Amino acid sequence: MHFSRRSKRQTPEVSVGTNNNNNNDNNNNNNNNNNNNNTADALTIEAHDDDAEGKDKEKEKDRDDPDKKAPNPTSPPDSDMPNPAPPGPGFGKLGDYDYDLRDADSSASRDHAGAPRGLDGMRVGGGVADAAPDYGDSVLEGTTVEYRTYKRRWFGLAQLTLLNIIVSWDWLTFAPVASNAAAYYGVSESAINWLSTAFLFSFVFIFPVTIRILHFGPKPAFATAAALILVGNWVRYGGSHARAGGSYGVVMFGQILTGLAQPFVLAAPTRYSDLWFTDRGRVAATALTSLANPLGAALGQLIVPFWVTSPGDMSPGVLWVAVISTVAALPAFFVPARPPTPVAPSSQTAKLGIRESVAAVGSSLELWLILIPYAIYVGFFNSISSLLNQIMGPYGFSDEEAGIAGALLIVVGLVVSAVTSPVLDRTKKFLPAVKVAIPVIALCYLAFVWMPETRAVAGPYVVLAVLGAASFSLVPVALELLIELSHPVSPEVTSTIAWAGGQALGAVFIIVSDALQAGAAADPPRNMKNALVFQAVIAMVIVPLPLCLGLFGRSDKVSLRRVRSDTRRTQQENL
């Protein structure tokens, strides 16, 4: 199949239709009139076939045969059979659905265009789907659509990884040394917990803006995040420059700025991998960049306690974090915006608009069966990462031992995910992986209720290592599964909603856990046993939700739509 761009005054060489032969002359006249009246160039698809004459005779015979019906151009999206070509030029394909894209940029077409169908076949919203990325005339005017990947994608991938590491390190600058930070800023440990809580709530306030910016591509999101990280870190140091004591209010303002940066990099991995990688590398790319975020948390928990051993060490500690953040953020302004040509058929597939995407997500039961447990487990991970020092401290564990426990939680998870992600990239067993990981995560939260009471490092270390392995294996798989089940919804919509839910619940869980902390008269004083019981109960209750995916006659709703679309379009273009 070849693509070419024609002047508005030229007559298309091929007119495809389903009318009888007697109406062909009228159709050609109408096509000529439409081409003369258009205000933009018409994009025509020329189908070159050596047996065109023979095929025309077969089509003529089929039309005269009353027993043969014309194919339905809007066949169900879950059908395994390829959709036939829509009737007439000006029709296009959006993922697994057919749309009338004629005059898509005109106001009249927006008023009369049919609304795209949702994930369950129901119409959602109105208006026209967003156009596919513009890769320039080199693709449209070439003789063949050739898909290839580019080495420059690794630069953007490395930069996104760095941004996720540093923004998470910024989040946990104070929590691992809560007692020293409280003494330095002259506040309580609960006020130090609010630095983590405010960071997480910042995600919720700005995530609608995140979806809009990511809709234009990853690069604007990278630049926005880098700017907020730079300003936020140096504002925090401005409130911490004196060794004698710091300004809590200034530090809180800087912490909120860095929190506003997080959604732009945390929700970007799926958008970036969809644009730059094929279906054989997307899970691994998403895993590397998404899991870099908890890696930054591990670095914060492991390194900051060694930097800050007394209240006076907070000032140089905040300075070191600001310097590292600056070095990591500056290259973000030089990341390439998009590949010169599409890397896969889905990369050039037009996506639903934001309103239509949100409506489609809201109407899909399967997506919510993934989004709810994902948000809850991310929330618990954020909570336990922020409070691990206060969870283990009352039982005699030092700041360094608690920091090592937090690092094990993350490092073991990264190692296991590095093994599972490439395997799942090849096998596409996303749904079974989710159904295995979630019960393991819930059991780990249940077992951890009694681990601090052992007063030995072995128990907490083992349980946290298994929890990290299961949690980190789940994150990239769940994000990719959300995109597969919602295609052609734009990737940033599902990932941003998933992360926003996790950050919001993380902030709520920190507040609840702080309220459940025992008093000074408890044994041991100020222990967090009640908070651990709370998270274990919630973790166990939600296990059945993802296990219901594909059951009760809904197995067709968990098909991998994007993979199927890529395969189908590749087969059609190779004909």
Protein backbone atom coordinates (compact mmCIF):
# COMPACT_ATOMS: atom_id res chain seq x y z
CA MET A 1 0.00 0.00 0.00
CA HIS A 2 1.37 3.39 -0.99
CA PHE A 3 0.58 6.84 0.33
CA SER A 4 0.65 10.03 -1.71
CA ARG A 5 -0.55 13.61 -1.27
CA ARG A 6 -2.59 15.14 -4.10
CA SER A 7 -3.51 18.69 -4.95
CA LYS A 8 -7.08 19.68 -4.25
CA ARG A 9 -7.71 20.14 -8.00
CA GLN A 10 -6.58 16.66 -8.99
CA THR A 11 -9.00 13.82 -9.49
CA PRO A 12 -8.19 10.65 -7.50
CA GLU A 13 -7.03 7.76 -9.66
CA VAL A 14 -9.04 5.17 -7.77
CA SER A 15 -12.55 5.53 -6.38
CA VAL A 16 -13.60 2.78 -4.00
CA GLY A 17 -17.29 2.27 -3.36
CA THR A 18 -20.11 -0.22 -2.92
CA ASN A 19 -22.70 1.30 -5.28
CA ASN A 20 -23.88 -0.46 -8.43
CA ASN A 21 -21.98 0.05 -11.66
CA ASN A 22 -24.75 2.23 -13.05
CA ASN A 23 -23.96 4.87 -10.42
CA ASN A 24 -20.21 4.99 -10.97
CA ASP A 25 -20.33 8.06 -13.22
CA ASN A 26 -22.33 9.99 -10.64
CA ASN A 27 -19.92 8.97 -7.89
CA ASN A 28 -16.94 10.18 -9.93
CA ASN A 29 -18.62 13.53 -10.56
CA ASN A 30 -19.36 13.90 -6.86
CA ASN A 31 -15.78 13.06 -5.97
CA ASN A 32 -14.50 15.69 -8.42
CA ASN A 33 -16.80 18.32 -6.94
CA ASN A 34 -15.72 17.45 -3.40
CA ASN A 35 -12.07 17.71 -4.36
CA ASN A 36 -12.60 21.10 -6.00
CA ASN A 37 -14.37 22.48 -2.92
CA ASN A 38 -11.97 21.24 -0.25
CA THR A 39 -9.77 23.88 1.40
CA ALA A 40 -6.98 21.42 2.20
CA ASP A 41 -5.12 18.79 0.22
CA ALA A 42 -6.89 15.45 0.03
CA LEU A 43 -4.97 12.42 1.13
CA THR A 44 -5.69 9.50 -1.16
CA ILE A 45 -4.63 5.94 -0.83
CA GLU A 46 -3.74 4.31 -4.11
CA ALA A 47 -4.21 0.57 -4.14
CA HIS A 48 -1.97 -0.86 -6.85
CA ASP A 49 -2.80 -4.40 -7.91
CA ASP A 50 -1.72 -6.20 -11.07
CA ASP A 51 -5.00 -8.14 -11.09
CA ALA A 52 -7.19 -5.08 -10.64
CA GLU A 53 -9.24 -5.86 -13.73
CA GLY A 54 -9.92 -9.41 -12.61
CA LYS A 55 -10.87 -8.27 -9.14
CA ASP A 56 -13.28 -5.71 -10.55
CA LYS A 57 -15.06 -8.49 -12.42
CA GLU A 58 -15.28 -10.58 -9.26
CA LYS A 59 -16.71 -7.62 -7.33
CA GLU A 60 -19.25 -7.02 -10.11
CA LYS A 61 -20.30 -10.64 -9.95
CA ASP A 62 -20.61 -10.48 -6.15
CA ARG A 63 -22.81 -7.39 -6.34
CA ASP A 64 -25.15 -9.11 -8.77
CA ASP A 65 -25.39 -12.18 -6.52
CA PRO A 66 -28.22 -11.61 -4.00
CA ASP A 67 -26.88 -14.33 -1.69
CA LYS A 68 -23.71 -12.37 -1.04
CA LYS A 69 -23.91 -9.41 1.27
CA ALA A 70 -21.51 -6.52 1.39
CA PRO A 71 -19.26 -6.61 4.44
CA ASN A 72 -20.23 -4.45 7.38
CA PRO A 73 -17.70 -1.61 7.65
CA THR A 74 -18.28 -1.32 11.40
CA SER A 75 -17.65 -4.91 12.46
CA PRO A 76 -17.33 -5.38 16.21
CA PRO A 77 -13.95 -4.34 17.59
CA ASP A 78 -13.50 -7.64 19.39
CA SER A 79 -13.89 -9.73 16.24
CA ASP A 80 -10.83 -11.71 15.20
CA MET A 81 -11.53 -11.06 11.53
CA PRO A 82 -9.96 -7.97 9.95
CA ASN A 83 -12.38 -5.13 9.37
CA PRO A 84 -13.15 -4.65 5.67
CA ALA A 85 -12.28 -1.38 3.98
CA PRO A 86 -14.83 1.34 4.75
CA PRO A 87 -17.00 2.45 1.85
CA GLY A 88 -15.50 5.27 -0.13
CA PRO A 89 -12.52 7.56 0.17
CA GLY A 90 -12.38 9.77 3.22
CA PHE A 91 -12.96 6.95 5.68
CA GLY A 92 -10.23 6.02 8.12
CA LYS A 93 -9.38 3.52 10.79
CA LEU A 94 -8.86 4.33 14.48
CA GLY A 95 -7.38 1.32 16.25
CA ASP A 96 -9.98 -1.41 15.87
CA TYR A 97 -12.78 0.97 14.88
CA ASP A 98 -13.76 2.61 11.59
CA TYR A 99 -14.51 6.33 11.45
CA ASP A 100 -15.55 8.82 8.81
CA LEU A 101 -12.58 11.19 8.73
CA ARG A 102 -13.65 13.29 5.75
CA ASP A 103 -13.11 16.99 6.32
CA ALA A 104 -12.11 16.20 9.92
CA ASP A 105 -10.71 19.68 10.42
CA SER A 106 -13.81 21.56 9.31
CA SER A 107 -16.41 22.84 11.76
CA ALA A 108 -19.18 21.15 9.82
CA SER A 109 -17.62 17.75 10.19
CA ARG A 110 -17.27 18.23 13.95
CA ASP A 111 -20.94 19.03 14.20
CA HIS A 112 -22.06 15.99 12.23
CA ALA A 113 -19.35 13.41 12.81
CA GLY A 114 -20.40 10.27 14.62
CA ALA A 115 -19.06 9.93 18.14
CA PRO A 116 -16.44 7.21 18.53
CA ARG A 117 -17.54 4.03 20.16
CA GLY A 118 -16.40 3.20 23.66
CA LEU A 119 -14.58 0.08 24.80
CA ASP A 120 -17.80 -1.85 25.23
CA GLY A 121 -19.27 -0.72 21.92
CA MET A 122 -21.27 2.22 23.31
CA ARG A 123 -20.87 5.73 21.92
CA VAL A 124 -18.87 8.10 24.09
CA GLY A 125 -18.78 11.85 23.78
CA GLY A 126 -18.67 13.56 20.45
CA GLY A 127 -16.28 15.24 18.11
CA VAL A 128 -13.39 13.98 16.09
CA ALA A 129 -10.56 11.80 17.28
CA ASP A 130 -7.15 13.39 17.58
CA ALA A 131 -4.96 12.98 14.55
CA ALA A 132 -1.97 10.68 14.55
CA PRO A 133 1.45 12.27 15.06
CA ASP A 134 2.71 14.20 12.05
CA TYR A 135 5.93 12.57 10.92
CA GLY A 136 6.32 14.79 7.89
CA ASP A 137 5.88 14.25 4.18
CA SER A 138 8.63 11.64 4.07
CA VAL A 139 6.16 9.02 5.26
CA LEU A 140 3.10 10.12 3.34
CA GLU A 141 4.84 10.74 0.06
CA GLY A 142 7.07 7.66 0.12
CA THR A 143 6.30 4.59 -1.85
CA THR A 144 6.23 2.28 1.19
CA VAL A 145 5.50 2.69 4.90
CA GLU A 146 8.66 1.40 6.57
CA TYR A 147 8.74 0.95 10.35
CA ARG A 148 12.05 1.26 12.18
CA THR A 149 13.42 2.21 15.58
CA TYR A 150 16.06 4.86 16.29
CA LYS A 151 19.09 4.79 18.58
CA ARG A 152 18.25 8.28 19.82
CA ARG A 153 15.35 6.77 21.76
CA TRP A 154 17.86 5.59 24.36
CA PHE A 155 18.81 9.18 25.21
CA GLY A 156 15.21 10.04 26.02
CA LEU A 157 14.79 6.77 27.91
CA ALA A 158 17.89 7.47 30.02
CA GLN A 159 16.73 11.01 30.74
CA LEU A 160 13.26 9.88 31.78
CA THR A 161 14.89 7.31 34.06
CA LEU A 162 17.06 10.01 35.68
CA LEU A 163 14.09 12.33 36.20
CA ASN A 164 12.09 9.58 37.89
CA ILE A 165 15.01 8.72 40.15
CA ILE A 166 15.64 12.27 41.25
CA VAL A 167 12.01 13.31 41.76
CA SER A 168 11.48 10.32 44.04
CA TRP A 169 14.69 11.07 45.94
CA ASP A 170 13.37 14.61 46.44
CA TRP A 171 10.21 13.11 47.93
CA LEU A 172 12.12 11.13 50.58
CA THR A 173 14.75 13.70 51.49
CA PHE A 174 13.28 14.17 54.98
CA ALA A 175 11.27 11.05 55.90
CA PRO A 176 14.28 8.72 56.47
CA VAL A 177 15.68 11.18 59.04
CA ALA A 178 12.38 12.38 60.49
CA SER A 179 13.67 12.91 64.03
CA ASN A 180 16.71 14.96 62.96
CA ALA A 181 14.61 16.93 60.44
CA ALA A 182 12.00 17.71 63.12
CA ALA A 183 14.70 19.01 65.47
CA TYR A 184 16.36 21.09 62.73
CA TYR A 185 13.15 22.79 61.55
CA GLY A 186 11.65 23.06 65.04
CA VAL A 187 8.52 21.03 64.29
CA SER A 188 7.05 17.62 65.22
CA GLU A 189 7.63 14.38 63.34
CA SER A 190 4.01 14.56 62.15
CA ALA A 191 4.87 17.87 60.45
CA ILE A 192 7.79 16.14 58.71
CA ASN A 193 5.35 13.45 57.54
CA TRP A 194 3.31 16.24 55.97
CA LEU A 195 6.25 17.04 53.68
CA SER A 196 5.74 13.60 52.11
CA THR A 197 1.96 13.94 52.19
CA ALA A 198 1.97 17.34 50.47
CA PHE A 199 4.29 15.96 47.80
CA LEU A 200 1.80 13.19 47.01
CA PHE A 201 -1.25 15.46 47.04
CA SER A 202 0.50 17.75 44.55
CA PHE A 203 0.13 14.98 41.97
CA VAL A 204 -3.64 14.97 42.38
CA PHE A 205 -4.00 18.72 41.93
CA ILE A 206 -2.04 18.90 38.68
CA PHE A 207 -2.79 15.59 36.97
CA PRO A 208 -5.44 17.04 34.58
CA VAL A 209 -2.76 19.43 33.31
CA THR A 210 -0.39 16.46 33.03
CA ILE A 211 -2.77 14.62 30.71
CA ARG A 212 -3.10 17.69 28.48
CA ILE A 213 0.66 18.29 28.22
CA LEU A 214 1.49 14.61 27.66
CA HIS A 215 -1.14 14.56 24.93
CA PHE A 216 1.19 16.80 22.91
CA GLY A 217 4.10 14.40 23.43
CA PRO A 218 6.70 13.43 26.04
CA LYS A 219 9.14 16.30 25.45
CA PRO A 220 6.94 19.13 26.84
CA ALA A 221 6.36 16.99 29.92
CA PHE A 222 10.11 16.42 30.34
CA ALA A 223 10.84 20.15 30.15
CA THR A 224 8.06 21.05 32.60
CA ALA A 225 9.23 18.47 35.13
CA ALA A 226 12.87 19.56 34.84
CA ALA A 227 11.98 23.21 35.45
CA LEU A 228 9.90 22.39 38.53
CA ILE A 229 12.62 20.11 39.92
CA LEU A 230 15.28 22.80 39.51
CA VAL A 231 13.23 25.55 41.15
CA GLY A 232 11.82 23.34 43.90
CA ASN A 233 15.18 21.99 45.03
CA TRP A 234 16.83 25.37 45.30
CA VAL A 235 13.83 26.80 47.15
CA ARG A 236 14.17 23.95 49.65
CA TYR A 237 17.84 24.78 50.11
CA GLY A 238 16.91 28.43 50.54
CA GLY A 239 14.93 27.36 53.60
CA SER A 240 17.76 25.11 54.85
CA HIS A 241 20.96 27.08 54.24
CA ALA A 242 21.71 27.82 57.91
CA ARG A 243 23.14 25.03 60.08
CA ALA A 244 21.45 26.39 63.19
CA GLY A 245 17.93 25.82 61.87
CA GLY A 246 15.71 26.07 58.83
CA SER A 247 12.41 27.54 57.70
CA TYR A 248 9.74 24.84 57.55
CA GLY A 249 7.36 26.99 55.47
CA VAL A 250 9.93 27.66 52.73
CA VAL A 251 10.88 23.98 52.62
CA MET A 252 7.20 23.01 52.33
CA PHE A 253 6.79 25.36 49.35
CA GLY A 254 9.82 23.86 47.62
CA GLN A 255 8.57 20.35 48.39
CA ILE A 256 5.23 21.13 46.73
CA LEU A 257 7.03 22.40 43.62
CA THR A 258 8.98 19.15 43.32
CA GLY A 259 5.73 17.28 43.93
CA LEU A 260 4.16 19.09 40.98
CA ALA A 261 7.01 17.79 38.81
CA GLN A 262 6.36 14.14 39.62
CA PRO A 263 3.26 13.45 37.47
CA PHE A 264 4.98 14.72 34.33
CA VAL A 265 7.65 12.02 34.57
CA LEU A 266 5.77 9.29 36.42
CA ALA A 267 2.95 9.16 33.84
CA ALA A 268 5.27 9.59 30.84
CA PRO A 269 6.79 6.07 30.46
CA THR A 270 3.82 4.52 28.67
CA ARG A 271 3.49 7.55 26.37
CA TYR A 272 7.21 7.46 25.57
CA SER A 273 7.37 3.70 24.96
CA ASP A 274 4.26 3.83 22.75
CA LEU A 275 5.90 6.52 20.60
CA TRP A 276 9.47 5.20 20.39
CA PHE A 277 9.35 1.39 20.91
CA THR A 278 7.73 -1.60 19.20
CA ASP A 279 5.51 -4.11 20.98
CA ARG A 280 8.59 -6.26 21.63
CA GLY A 281 10.20 -3.62 23.82
CA ARG A 282 7.45 -1.52 25.35
CA VAL A 283 7.07 -3.42 28.62
CA ALA A 284 10.82 -3.33 29.26
CA ALA A 285 11.00 0.40 28.46
CA THR A 286 8.01 1.12 30.68
CA ALA A 287 9.50 -1.01 33.46
CA LEU A 288 12.89 0.73 33.36
CA THR A 289 11.48 4.24 33.52
CA SER A 290 8.57 3.54 35.89
CA LEU A 291 10.63 1.54 38.36
CA ALA A 292 13.32 4.20 38.40
CA ASN A 293 10.90 6.14 40.61
CA PRO A 294 11.08 3.70 43.54
CA LEU A 295 14.81 3.35 42.88
CA GLY A 296 15.12 7.03 43.74
CA ALA A 297 13.17 6.35 46.92
CA ALA A 298 15.61 3.55 47.77
CA LEU A 299 18.57 5.86 47.23
CA GLY A 300 16.96 8.45 49.46
CA GLN A 301 16.31 5.94 52.24
CA LEU A 302 19.79 4.46 51.96
CA ILE A 303 21.98 7.55 51.45
CA VAL A 304 20.26 10.36 53.37
CA PRO A 305 20.62 8.66 56.81
CA PHE A 306 24.39 8.45 56.26
CA TRP A 307 24.53 12.14 55.31
CA VAL A 308 22.30 13.38 58.12
CA THR A 309 23.40 11.97 61.48
CA SER A 310 22.50 15.08 63.50
CA PRO A 311 20.10 18.05 63.08
CA GLY A 312 22.94 20.29 61.88
CA ASP A 313 23.61 17.95 58.95
CA MET A 314 20.25 18.75 57.31
CA SER A 315 21.61 21.84 55.53
CA PRO A 316 24.45 20.11 53.62
CA GLY A 317 22.17 17.12 53.02
CA VAL A 318 19.55 19.27 51.27
CA LEU A 319 22.34 21.01 49.32
CA TRP A 320 23.73 17.73 48.00
CA VAL A 321 20.28 16.64 46.84
CA ALA A 322 19.80 20.00 45.06
CA VAL A 323 23.14 19.68 43.23
CA ILE A 324 22.42 16.11 42.09
CA SER A 325 18.91 17.12 40.98
CA THR A 326 20.30 19.99 38.90
CA VAL A 327 22.80 17.78 37.08
CA ALA A 328 20.12 15.16 36.37
CA ALA A 329 17.43 17.60 35.20
CA LEU A 330 19.31 19.86 32.76
CA PRO A 331 19.60 17.35 29.84
CA ALA A 332 15.79 17.05 29.75
CA PHE A 333 15.55 20.21 27.63
CA PHE A 334 17.46 18.51 24.78
CA VAL A 335 15.44 15.30 24.40
CA PRO A 336 14.13 14.73 20.81
CA ALA A 337 10.41 15.29 20.47
CA ARG A 338 9.45 12.27 18.35
CA PRO A 339 11.00 9.76 15.92
CA PRO A 340 11.36 10.94 12.30
CA THR A 341 9.17 8.07 11.10
CA PRO A 342 6.75 5.78 12.97
CA VAL A 343 8.27 2.76 14.72
CA ALA A 344 5.12 0.61 14.53
CA PRO A 345 1.59 0.79 13.09
CA SER A 346 0.12 1.80 16.47
CA SER A 347 2.53 4.75 16.63
CA GLN A 348 0.73 6.39 13.72
CA THR A 349 -2.76 5.35 14.77
CA ALA A 350 -4.95 8.31 15.67
CA LYS A 351 -5.98 8.28 19.32
CA LEU A 352 -9.26 9.30 20.92
CA GLY A 353 -9.47 12.86 22.21
CA ILE A 354 -9.06 13.49 25.93
CA ARG A 355 -12.76 13.84 26.73
CA GLU A 356 -13.63 10.74 24.73
CA SER A 357 -10.74 8.85 26.35
CA VAL A 358 -11.86 9.71 29.88
CA ALA A 359 -15.44 8.72 29.04
CA ALA A 360 -14.24 5.42 27.57
CA VAL A 361 -12.16 4.64 30.66
CA GLY A 362 -15.05 5.48 32.95
CA SER A 363 -17.37 3.08 31.13
CA SER A 364 -15.05 0.06 31.14
CA LEU A 365 -15.48 -2.41 34.01
CA GLU A 366 -12.25 -4.22 33.13
CA LEU A 367 -10.15 -1.08 33.46
CA TRP A 368 -11.55 -0.37 36.93
CA LEU A 369 -10.82 -3.92 38.04
CA ILE A 370 -7.16 -3.06 37.40
CA LEU A 371 -7.14 0.62 38.39
CA ILE A 372 -8.57 0.08 41.89
CA PRO A 373 -6.04 -2.50 43.16
CA TYR A 374 -3.22 -0.71 41.35
CA ALA A 375 -3.99 2.59 43.09
CA ILE A 376 -4.38 0.94 46.49
CA TYR A 377 -1.11 -1.01 46.31
CA VAL A 378 0.81 2.01 45.02
CA GLY A 379 -0.70 4.00 47.88
CA PHE A 380 0.43 1.43 50.45
CA PHE A 381 3.89 1.34 48.90
CA ASN A 382 4.15 5.12 49.20
CA SER A 383 2.90 4.98 52.77
CA ILE A 384 5.26 2.24 53.93
CA SER A 385 8.21 3.92 52.19
CA SER A 386 7.49 7.19 53.99
CA LEU A 387 6.84 5.66 57.41
CA LEU A 388 9.26 2.73 57.48
CA ASN A 389 11.58 4.54 59.86
CA GLN A 390 8.71 5.17 62.29
CA ILE A 391 7.36 1.63 61.85
CA MET A 392 10.64 -0.08 62.79
CA GLY A 393 12.13 2.52 65.14
CA PRO A 394 9.96 1.75 68.22
CA TYR A 395 11.19 -1.87 68.18
CA GLY A 396 14.86 -0.91 68.44
CA PHE A 397 15.85 -0.71 64.76
CA SER A 398 18.25 2.10 63.86
CA ASP A 399 17.76 4.62 61.05
CA GLU A 400 20.42 2.77 59.03
CA GLU A 401 18.69 -0.62 59.47
CA ALA A 402 15.35 0.88 58.46
CA GLY A 403 17.06 2.46 55.46
CA ILE A 404 18.52 -0.89 54.40
CA ALA A 405 15.06 -2.47 54.73
CA GLY A 406 13.63 0.19 52.42
CA ALA A 407 16.47 -0.31 49.97
CA LEU A 408 15.89 -4.09 49.93
CA LEU A 409 12.21 -3.49 49.24
CA ILE A 410 13.17 -1.62 46.09
CA VAL A 411 16.43 -3.18 44.88
CA VAL A 412 15.11 -6.76 44.97
CA GLY A 413 12.01 -5.57 43.15
CA LEU A 414 14.11 -3.94 40.45
CA VAL A 415 16.18 -7.09 39.92
CA VAL A 416 13.11 -9.33 39.64
CA SER A 417 11.35 -6.88 37.33
CA ALA A 418 14.43 -6.77 35.10
CA VAL A 419 13.96 -10.52 34.59
CA THR A 420 10.17 -10.67 34.25
CA SER A 421 9.63 -7.63 32.00
CA PRO A 422 11.51 -8.92 28.90
CA VAL A 423 9.83 -12.31 29.29
CA LEU A 424 6.38 -10.73 29.40
CA ASP A 425 7.34 -8.52 26.45
CA ARG A 426 7.77 -11.68 24.39
CA THR A 427 4.94 -13.82 25.75
CA LYS A 428 2.28 -11.09 26.25
CA LYS A 429 0.98 -12.97 29.32
CA PHE A 430 -0.02 -9.73 31.00
CA LEU A 431 -3.27 -10.90 32.57
CA PRO A 432 -1.90 -14.10 34.19
CA ALA A 433 1.02 -12.08 35.58
CA VAL A 434 -1.37 -9.61 37.23
CA LYS A 435 -3.46 -12.42 38.71
CA VAL A 436 -0.36 -14.04 40.24
CA ALA A 437 1.31 -10.88 41.58
CA ILE A 438 -1.66 -9.35 43.42
CA PRO A 439 -2.33 -12.22 45.88
CA VAL A 440 1.40 -12.38 46.69
CA ILE A 441 1.43 -8.64 47.45
CA ALA A 442 -1.59 -8.95 49.74
CA LEU A 443 -0.03 -11.85 51.67
CA CYS A 444 3.17 -9.85 52.17
CA TYR A 445 1.26 -6.95 53.73
CA LEU A 446 -0.47 -9.46 56.00
CA ALA A 447 2.81 -11.09 57.07
CA PHE A 448 4.52 -7.75 57.69
CA VAL A 449 2.07 -6.98 60.52
CA TRP A 450 4.15 -9.17 62.85
CA MET A 451 7.64 -8.61 61.44
CA PRO A 452 8.77 -5.53 63.46
CA GLU A 453 7.86 -7.37 66.67
CA THR A 454 10.56 -9.96 65.99
CA ARG A 455 13.17 -7.24 66.72
CA ALA A 456 15.51 -9.03 64.30
CA VAL A 457 16.35 -7.79 60.82
CA ALA A 458 15.81 -11.15 59.06
CA GLY A 459 12.00 -11.17 59.17
CA PRO A 460 11.36 -7.63 57.92
CA TYR A 461 14.10 -7.93 55.30
CA VAL A 462 12.70 -11.16 53.81
CA VAL A 463 9.06 -10.02 53.72
CA LEU A 464 9.94 -6.62 52.27
CA ALA A 465 12.13 -8.26 49.61
CA VAL A 466 9.27 -10.52 48.46
CA LEU A 467 6.85 -7.56 48.59
CA GLY A 468 9.20 -5.54 46.40
CA ALA A 469 9.61 -8.37 43.90
CA ALA A 470 5.85 -8.82 43.46
CA SER A 471 5.05 -5.09 43.48
CA PHE A 472 7.70 -4.12 40.96
CA SER A 473 6.75 -6.95 38.63
CA LEU A 474 3.16 -5.71 38.73
CA VAL A 475 3.75 -2.02 37.95
CA PRO A 476 4.87 -2.11 34.26
CA VAL A 477 2.62 -5.05 33.41
CA ALA A 478 -0.48 -3.38 34.85
CA LEU A 479 0.30 -0.11 33.06
CA GLU A 480 0.75 -1.88 29.71
CA LEU A 481 -2.36 -4.00 30.26
CA LEU A 482 -4.40 -0.83 30.87
CA ILE A 483 -3.20 0.52 27.52
CA GLU A 484 -3.89 -2.75 25.70
CA LEU A 485 -7.45 -3.03 27.03
CA SER A 486 -8.25 0.63 26.34
CA HIS A 487 -6.70 1.04 22.86
CA PRO A 488 -7.17 3.45 21.02
CA VAL A 489 -7.38 5.59 24.18
CA SER A 490 -4.22 7.71 24.38
CA PRO A 491 -1.67 6.01 26.71
CA GLU A 492 -1.14 8.97 29.02
CA VAL A 493 -4.80 8.94 30.09
CA THR A 494 -4.85 5.53 31.77
CA SER A 495 -1.34 5.81 33.21
CA THR A 496 -1.98 9.28 34.68
CA ILE A 497 -5.28 8.20 36.22
CA ALA A 498 -3.61 5.10 37.70
CA TRP A 499 -0.71 7.05 39.20
CA ALA A 500 -2.95 9.88 40.43
CA GLY A 501 -5.04 7.35 42.32
CA GLY A 502 -1.92 5.81 43.84
CA GLN A 503 -0.48 9.14 44.94
CA ALA A 504 -3.79 10.35 46.39
CA LEU A 505 -4.32 7.14 48.34
CA GLY A 506 -0.69 7.20 49.46
CA ALA A 507 -1.25 10.61 51.03
CA VAL A 508 -4.48 9.41 52.65
CA PHE A 509 -2.81 6.27 54.01
CA ILE A 510 0.03 8.33 55.53
CA ILE A 511 -2.51 10.55 57.31
CA VAL A 512 -4.52 7.53 58.53
CA SER A 513 -1.39 5.66 59.65
CA ASP A 514 -0.14 8.69 61.54
CA ALA A 515 -3.50 8.93 63.30
CA LEU A 516 -3.36 5.21 64.19
CA GLN A 517 0.07 5.52 65.81
CA ALA A 518 0.03 4.35 69.44
CA GLY A 519 0.61 6.76 72.29
CA ALA A 520 3.63 7.24 74.49
CA ALA A 521 2.21 4.83 77.10
CA ALA A 522 1.95 1.91 74.65
CA ASP A 523 4.36 -1.03 74.55
CA PRO A 524 6.54 -0.15 72.77
CA PRO A 525 5.80 3.60 72.82
CA ARG A 526 4.42 5.12 69.61
CA ASN A 527 4.38 1.84 67.68
CA MET A 528 2.39 1.56 64.42
CA LYS A 529 0.90 -1.92 64.79
CA ASN A 530 -2.64 -0.63 64.20
CA ALA A 531 -1.53 1.03 60.95
CA LEU A 532 -0.01 -2.25 59.73
CA VAL A 533 -3.25 -4.09 60.52
CA PHE A 534 -5.23 -1.45 58.63
CA GLN A 535 -3.17 -1.82 55.45
CA ALA A 536 -3.19 -5.64 55.67
CA VAL A 537 -7.00 -5.76 55.84
CA ILE A 538 -7.46 -3.44 52.85
CA ALA A 539 -4.80 -5.30 50.85
CA MET A 540 -6.57 -8.64 51.36
CA VAL A 541 -10.08 -7.33 50.67
CA ILE A 542 -9.30 -6.11 47.13
CA VAL A 543 -7.63 -9.32 45.93
CA PRO A 544 -10.79 -10.73 44.25
CA LEU A 545 -11.21 -7.71 41.96
CA PRO A 546 -8.46 -8.44 39.40
CA LEU A 547 -9.08 -12.19 39.70
CA CYS A 548 -12.50 -11.58 38.11
CA LEU A 549 -10.97 -10.27 34.87
CA GLY A 550 -12.11 -12.34 31.90
CA LEU A 551 -14.72 -14.28 33.88
CA PHE A 552 -18.52 -14.36 33.67
CA GLY A 553 -18.59 -14.40 29.87
CA ARG A 554 -16.37 -11.32 29.45
CA SER A 555 -13.22 -12.98 28.12
CA ASP A 556 -13.53 -10.93 24.92
CA LYS A 557 -13.10 -7.74 26.98
CA VAL A 558 -9.54 -8.63 28.03
CA SER A 559 -8.07 -9.08 24.55
CA LEU A 560 -4.86 -7.18 23.78
CA ARG A 561 -6.28 -4.57 21.42
CA ARG A 562 -3.07 -2.71 20.59
CA VAL A 563 -1.12 -5.90 19.83
CA ARG A 564 -3.97 -7.13 17.66
CA SER A 565 -4.18 -3.79 15.86
CA ASP A 566 -0.43 -3.81 15.14
CA THR A 567 -0.58 -7.36 13.82
CA ARG A 568 -3.63 -6.70 11.67
CA ARG A 569 -2.29 -3.52 10.08
CA THR A 570 1.10 -5.09 9.41
CA GLN A 571 -0.59 -8.00 7.65
CA GLN A 572 -2.75 -5.67 5.58
CA GLU A 573 0.22 -3.54 4.53
CA ASN A 574 2.19 -6.62 3.51
CA LEU A 575 -0.55 -7.77 1.13
